[in-house]
Structures are given as structure tokens and as C-alpha cells.
Protein backbone atom coordinates (compact mmCIF):
# COMPACT_ATOMS: atom_id res chain seq x y z
CA SER A 1 131.10 -149.48 -196.39
CA HIS A 2 127.58 -148.21 -195.76
CA PHE A 3 127.72 -149.70 -192.33
CA GLY A 4 131.00 -148.14 -191.75
CA SER A 5 129.83 -144.79 -192.86
CA SER A 6 126.69 -144.95 -190.77
CA ARG A 7 128.71 -145.78 -187.71
CA ILE A 8 131.06 -142.99 -188.33
CA VAL A 9 128.11 -140.59 -188.70
CA GLN A 10 126.50 -141.98 -185.56
CA PHE A 11 129.77 -141.75 -183.61
CA SER A 12 130.21 -138.36 -184.79
CA ARG A 13 126.70 -137.46 -183.48
CA VAL A 14 127.15 -139.32 -180.24
CA SER A 15 130.75 -138.52 -179.35
CA LYS A 16 130.59 -134.76 -180.27
CA PHE A 17 132.12 -132.82 -177.21
CA PRO A 18 130.51 -129.53 -176.15
CA ASP A 19 132.32 -126.37 -176.86
CA PRO A 20 134.84 -125.38 -174.12
CA PRO A 21 134.16 -122.16 -172.13
CA PRO A 22 135.84 -119.07 -173.35
CA LEU A 23 139.18 -118.31 -171.66
CA PHE A 24 138.32 -114.49 -171.03
CA PRO A 25 134.95 -112.98 -170.07
CA SER A 26 133.24 -110.90 -172.61
CA ALA A 27 133.40 -107.14 -172.76
CA ALA A 28 129.91 -106.75 -171.29
CA MET A 29 130.69 -108.81 -168.32
CA ASP A 30 133.98 -106.92 -167.76
CA SER A 31 132.23 -103.60 -167.93
CA SER A 32 129.46 -104.68 -165.47
CA ALA A 33 131.97 -106.08 -162.96
CA GLU A 34 134.09 -102.92 -163.19
CA THR A 35 131.07 -100.71 -162.67
CA GLN A 36 129.99 -102.75 -159.73
CA ASN A 37 133.49 -102.55 -158.18
CA GLN A 38 133.67 -98.87 -158.75
CA ASN A 39 130.25 -98.44 -157.20
CA GLN A 40 131.38 -100.46 -154.22
CA ILE A 41 134.57 -98.45 -153.97
CA LEU A 42 132.65 -95.25 -154.29
CA GLN A 43 130.20 -96.32 -151.60
CA MET A 44 133.02 -97.35 -149.28
CA THR A 45 134.76 -94.00 -150.02
CA GLN A 46 131.57 -92.11 -149.37
CA PHE A 47 130.91 -94.01 -146.15
CA ILE A 48 134.54 -93.37 -145.00
CA LEU A 49 134.20 -89.67 -145.92
CA ASN A 50 130.86 -89.41 -144.14
CA GLU A 51 132.35 -91.18 -141.08
CA ALA A 52 135.35 -88.86 -141.17
CA LYS A 53 133.19 -85.79 -141.61
CA ASP A 54 130.93 -86.88 -138.71
CA LYS A 55 133.98 -87.61 -136.59
CA ALA A 56 135.53 -84.26 -137.64
CA GLU A 57 132.37 -82.36 -136.69
CA GLU A 58 132.22 -84.28 -133.44
CA ILE A 59 135.82 -83.46 -132.61
CA SER A 60 135.29 -79.84 -133.74
CA ALA A 61 132.21 -79.53 -131.56
CA LYS A 62 133.96 -81.13 -128.56
CA ALA A 63 136.99 -78.91 -129.10
CA LEU A 64 134.78 -75.87 -129.36
CA GLN A 65 132.96 -76.87 -126.25
CA GLU A 66 136.21 -77.50 -124.38
CA PHE A 67 137.56 -74.22 -125.66
CA SER A 68 134.45 -72.43 -124.47
CA VAL A 69 134.80 -74.03 -121.04
CA GLU A 70 138.47 -73.20 -120.81
CA LYS A 71 137.87 -69.72 -122.09
CA LEU A 72 135.14 -69.22 -119.42
CA LYS A 73 137.58 -70.47 -116.78
CA VAL A 74 140.33 -68.18 -117.98
CA VAL A 75 138.00 -65.22 -118.19
CA ASN A 76 136.56 -65.86 -114.67
CA SER A 77 140.04 -66.43 -113.30
CA THR A 78 141.24 -63.19 -114.86
CA LYS A 79 138.21 -61.29 -113.58
CA GLU A 80 138.92 -62.66 -110.07
CA LYS A 81 142.58 -61.70 -110.27
CA ILE A 82 141.68 -58.24 -111.60
CA ARG A 83 139.08 -57.86 -108.73
CA HIS A 84 141.62 -58.97 -106.12
CA GLU A 85 144.24 -56.71 -107.57
CA TYR A 86 141.80 -53.80 -107.66
CA GLU A 87 140.80 -54.45 -104.06
CA ARG A 88 144.48 -54.66 -102.98
CA LYS A 89 145.34 -51.44 -104.79
CA SER A 90 142.23 -49.73 -103.45
CA LYS A 91 143.18 -50.76 -99.89
CA GLN A 92 146.67 -49.68 -100.56
CA VAL A 93 145.51 -46.24 -101.86
CA ASP A 94 143.14 -45.98 -98.79
CA THR A 95 146.06 -46.82 -96.47
CA GLN A 96 148.34 -44.28 -98.16
CA ASN A 97 145.62 -41.61 -98.00
CA ALA A 98 145.04 -42.41 -94.29
CA ILE A 99 148.79 -42.29 -93.63
CA ALA A 100 149.11 -38.96 -95.58
CA ARG A 101 146.10 -37.55 -93.82
CA SER A 102 147.37 -38.59 -90.36
CA THR A 103 150.82 -37.26 -91.18
CA ALA A 104 149.34 -33.95 -92.27
CA ILE A 105 147.21 -33.75 -89.12
CA ASN A 106 150.20 -34.58 -86.93
CA ARG A 107 152.34 -32.07 -88.79
CA SER A 108 149.66 -29.40 -88.36
CA ARG A 109 149.35 -30.26 -84.69
CA LEU A 110 153.16 -30.12 -84.19
CA GLU A 111 153.22 -26.80 -86.02
CA LYS A 112 150.44 -25.46 -83.86
CA ILE A 113 152.12 -26.74 -80.69
CA THR A 114 155.47 -25.23 -81.76
CA ALA A 115 153.81 -21.91 -82.55
CA ARG A 116 152.05 -21.91 -79.11
CA GLN A 117 155.31 -22.83 -77.35
CA ASP A 118 157.01 -20.00 -79.26
CA VAL A 119 154.28 -17.55 -78.04
CA ILE A 120 154.57 -18.86 -74.43
CA GLY A 121 158.36 -18.49 -74.77
CA LEU A 122 157.86 -14.83 -75.78
CA ILE A 123 155.57 -14.35 -72.82
CA ASN A 124 158.23 -15.89 -70.56
CA ASN A 125 160.94 -13.62 -72.03
CA ASP A 126 158.66 -10.57 -71.57
CA ALA A 127 158.02 -11.54 -67.92
CA LYS A 128 161.69 -11.92 -67.33
CA GLY A 129 162.33 -8.51 -68.74
CA VAL A 130 159.61 -6.92 -66.60
CA LEU A 131 161.05 -8.68 -63.46
CA GLN A 132 164.56 -7.53 -64.18
CA THR A 133 163.35 -3.98 -64.64
CA GLN A 134 161.24 -4.09 -61.43
CA LEU A 135 163.99 -5.67 -59.32
CA LYS A 136 166.57 -2.95 -60.23
CA ASP A 137 164.96 -1.14 -57.23
CA GLN A 138 167.06 -2.36 -54.24
CA LYS A 139 164.13 -1.85 -51.82
CA ALA A 140 161.76 -3.91 -53.92
CA LEU A 141 164.49 -6.53 -54.38
CA GLY A 142 165.05 -6.77 -50.64
CA GLN A 143 161.39 -7.26 -49.91
CA PHE A 144 161.11 -9.91 -52.73
CA ILE A 145 164.10 -11.81 -51.44
CA THR A 146 162.83 -11.71 -47.86
CA GLN A 147 159.52 -13.23 -49.06
CA LEU A 148 161.36 -15.97 -50.98
CA ILE A 149 163.47 -16.92 -47.88
CA VAL A 150 160.36 -17.02 -45.65
CA GLN A 151 158.47 -19.23 -48.08
CA GLY A 152 161.43 -21.68 -48.19
CA LEU A 153 161.73 -21.76 -44.42
CA LEU A 154 158.04 -22.65 -44.06
CA MET A 155 158.57 -25.58 -46.35
CA LEU A 156 161.72 -26.79 -44.65
CA LEU A 157 160.86 -26.15 -40.95
CA GLU A 158 164.53 -26.56 -39.99
CA GLU A 159 166.52 -24.92 -37.23
CA GLU A 160 169.58 -24.21 -39.30
CA VAL A 161 169.43 -23.23 -42.96
CA GLN A 162 171.97 -21.93 -45.40
CA VAL A 163 170.96 -19.40 -48.11
CA ARG A 164 172.61 -19.52 -51.53
CA CYS A 165 172.44 -16.63 -54.03
CA ARG A 166 174.35 -15.00 -56.84
CA ALA A 167 177.63 -13.40 -55.83
CA CYS A 168 176.30 -10.01 -56.94
CA ASP A 169 173.39 -10.45 -54.52
CA ASP A 170 175.48 -11.25 -51.35
CA ALA A 171 174.96 -7.82 -49.76
CA VAL A 172 171.24 -7.64 -50.44
CA VAL A 173 170.62 -11.19 -49.24
CA GLU A 174 172.67 -10.88 -46.10
CA LYS A 175 170.65 -7.82 -45.12
CA CYS A 176 167.42 -9.86 -45.50
CA LEU A 177 168.40 -12.75 -43.22
CA ALA A 178 167.34 -11.26 -39.89
CA ALA A 179 164.01 -9.85 -41.27
CA ALA A 180 163.26 -13.28 -42.87
CA ALA A 181 164.05 -15.19 -39.65
CA ALA A 182 161.77 -12.85 -37.69
CA GLU A 183 158.96 -13.04 -40.19
CA TYR A 184 159.24 -16.86 -40.21
CA ALA A 185 159.02 -17.09 -36.34
CA ARG A 186 156.04 -14.70 -36.37
CA ILE A 187 154.09 -16.78 -38.89
CA VAL A 188 154.78 -20.08 -37.12
CA LYS A 189 153.68 -18.51 -33.80
CA ALA A 190 150.49 -17.14 -35.40
CA GLU A 191 149.59 -20.35 -37.20
CA THR A 192 150.53 -22.97 -34.63
CA GLY A 193 151.09 -21.17 -31.31
CA ALA A 194 154.61 -22.63 -31.11
CA THR A 195 157.77 -20.72 -30.73
CA LYS A 196 160.19 -21.75 -33.44
CA ALA A 197 163.37 -19.96 -34.53
CA CYS A 198 165.70 -20.64 -37.42
CA LYS A 199 169.32 -19.71 -37.73
CA LEU A 200 170.12 -18.39 -41.14
CA SER A 201 173.56 -18.08 -42.74
CA LEU A 202 174.81 -17.06 -46.14
CA ASP A 203 176.51 -19.87 -48.05
CA LYS A 204 179.78 -18.27 -49.35
CA SER A 205 181.11 -21.43 -51.05
CA VAL A 206 178.19 -22.27 -53.38
CA LYS A 207 176.98 -19.56 -55.65
CA LEU A 208 174.15 -19.41 -58.23
CA PRO A 209 174.96 -18.63 -61.81
CA THR A 210 175.03 -15.05 -63.03
CA ALA A 211 172.31 -13.26 -64.88
CA PRO A 212 171.67 -14.29 -68.54
CA ASP A 213 174.00 -12.53 -70.97
CA GLY A 214 173.07 -14.18 -74.24
CA GLN A 215 175.85 -16.82 -73.88
CA HIS A 216 175.32 -20.47 -73.68
CA GLY A 217 175.38 -22.02 -70.16
CA PRO A 218 173.39 -21.79 -66.90
CA SER A 219 172.07 -18.43 -65.80
CA CYS A 220 169.96 -17.11 -63.02
CA LEU A 221 167.80 -13.94 -62.75
CA GLY A 222 168.09 -13.87 -59.01
CA GLY A 223 166.43 -15.29 -55.88
CA VAL A 224 167.71 -17.84 -53.41
CA VAL A 225 168.14 -21.51 -52.86
CA LEU A 226 167.75 -22.68 -49.21
CA ALA A 227 169.74 -25.79 -48.09
CA CYS A 228 169.90 -27.82 -44.90
CA GLN A 229 171.19 -31.10 -43.57
CA VAL A 230 174.62 -30.34 -45.09
CA GLY A 231 173.09 -29.71 -48.51
CA LYS A 232 171.05 -32.96 -48.66
CA ILE A 233 167.74 -31.02 -48.61
CA SER A 234 167.21 -27.93 -50.68
CA ILE A 235 164.44 -25.62 -51.85
CA ASP A 236 164.86 -23.85 -55.22
CA ASN A 237 163.29 -20.47 -54.83
CA THR A 238 165.05 -18.64 -57.53
CA ILE A 239 163.20 -16.22 -59.85
CA ASP A 240 163.73 -18.63 -62.72
CA SER A 241 162.16 -21.49 -60.88
CA ARG A 242 159.21 -19.43 -59.56
CA LEU A 243 158.59 -17.92 -62.98
CA GLY A 244 158.56 -21.35 -64.63
CA LEU A 245 156.16 -22.67 -61.97
CA VAL A 246 153.74 -19.70 -62.45
CA LEU A 247 153.98 -19.88 -66.18
CA GLU A 248 153.20 -23.63 -66.07
CA GLN A 249 150.18 -23.04 -63.82
CA ALA A 250 148.97 -20.16 -66.10
CA LYS A 251 149.25 -22.15 -69.33
CA PRO A 252 145.51 -23.20 -69.35
CA THR A 253 144.48 -19.60 -68.89
CA ILE A 254 147.01 -18.36 -71.51
CA ARG A 255 145.74 -21.00 -73.98
CA GLN A 256 142.10 -19.98 -73.30
CA LEU A 257 142.96 -16.27 -73.86
CA LEU A 258 145.25 -16.58 -76.87
CA PHE A 259 144.40 -19.95 -78.55
CA ARG A 260 140.67 -20.32 -78.46
CA ASN A 261 140.66 -22.28 -81.64
């Protein structure tokens, strides 16, 4: 029995198993691991936040830079448009002013020309009135018509010429034919030495218009028209024609006397 008890004691000392590990960690280990995990999570979170902040700042700086560039482009473009628009409107205003100035100058010139023509027209009417008054004298009228016929004959140099006049002047003109033919022959002889005669006749079929009476239509103050070659060639030596010619030739003198400015 002693042997058996000693073996049991020995067995119990030899074959004693170590204690098994605990199934759950201790509270201290759990707290340390949790703190470590939380620190890691906090570090990762802080890293992510820092990265996000840096990225956000980078994006914000880039966006601000791009905004500044685009803003500068828009401002420069707007300035250029405003400058072009100002130049266009300025040119338009200058053009309008030039047109208005030219129109005003032309209007002033036209008004001046019209006023001058009105004055010359008054002079023409006054001259007609003076001529009508002077030619009421039959002797003066006869001499005047004789001179008109002679002047026309010297331009035509024809052997046969018809003389046309107003119906009211037939008697006066017919009395002047012989004197006019004689004066024509005398002048040709004196100037050229040749003897040249002209047969004059009064045209009873073609008559000049009557004196002006304030009505519309053709009129004639008097004078003659000489025709030859069956009316193909004619010389207008009426008072109206001669007065118009004299007035046209006298216009420079009239302008110098009346319109110095």
C-alpha cells in the first residue's frame, strides 16, 4: 500500500497537466487593443481628413486661378467689345455730323443760289419793263428792228431771207425791210469790197407769240426771227433771246456788283 500510494503521488506529480489558456482575454488586454485600434482609426481618419483638406485647398486654388484667368479673359474681351462699339458709334456720329454739315452747306448754297437767281430774275423783269416802255416809240422800234434784221443777215449771208415777227409788228417790220437790205449791202461792201444783195420778205404764215400777258404759254416781247433754206436755217433775234444772251453774259458782273460775299 505504501508503494501504491507513493506511485500515485509520483504519478500525480509527473502527470499533472498545465492549466489551459483562458478562453477570453483579460480586461486590460481588451482595453489596450481597443485603444490601439482607436488610435489607428483616428490616425487614418486624420490622414484622410488632411489629404482631403489638402486636395480641397488644391482644387480651390486651381479653381480660383482658373476663375481669375477666365475673369481676365472676359474682362479683356468685354473691354475690347466696348472699345470697338465706342469706335463704331464714334465713327457713326462723325459720319452723321459730316452728312448733316454737308447737307446744311448744300442747303445754304442752294438757298443762296435760289436767292441770287431770284434777284437776276427781278433784273430780267425790270429790263423787260424798260424795253417795253422804250419800244413804244415807233421810231425807236423801227430803228431797233432794222438793226436786228441786219445783224441776222450778216450771220446768214444768204440771198433770200424770210423775216418772221409778231402779227402786231407786221407793219413796222415791213417798213424796215428795204432799209435793212440796204444797210446789209453797205456793210458787206465796206468790209469785203464785194457787192452782195439780199432779198427780204415778210413771212405771213409763221408768226411769233404775242407779248406776255401774265398767262401761261409762250410769249414774245418783239424782235424778229430770220429764216432761209425753206426754214431749215434760222436766226433767233427776238428781244427775249437777245435779252437772255446779254443777261447771261452780264452775270459775272452782276454777281461781282451784288453778291461780293
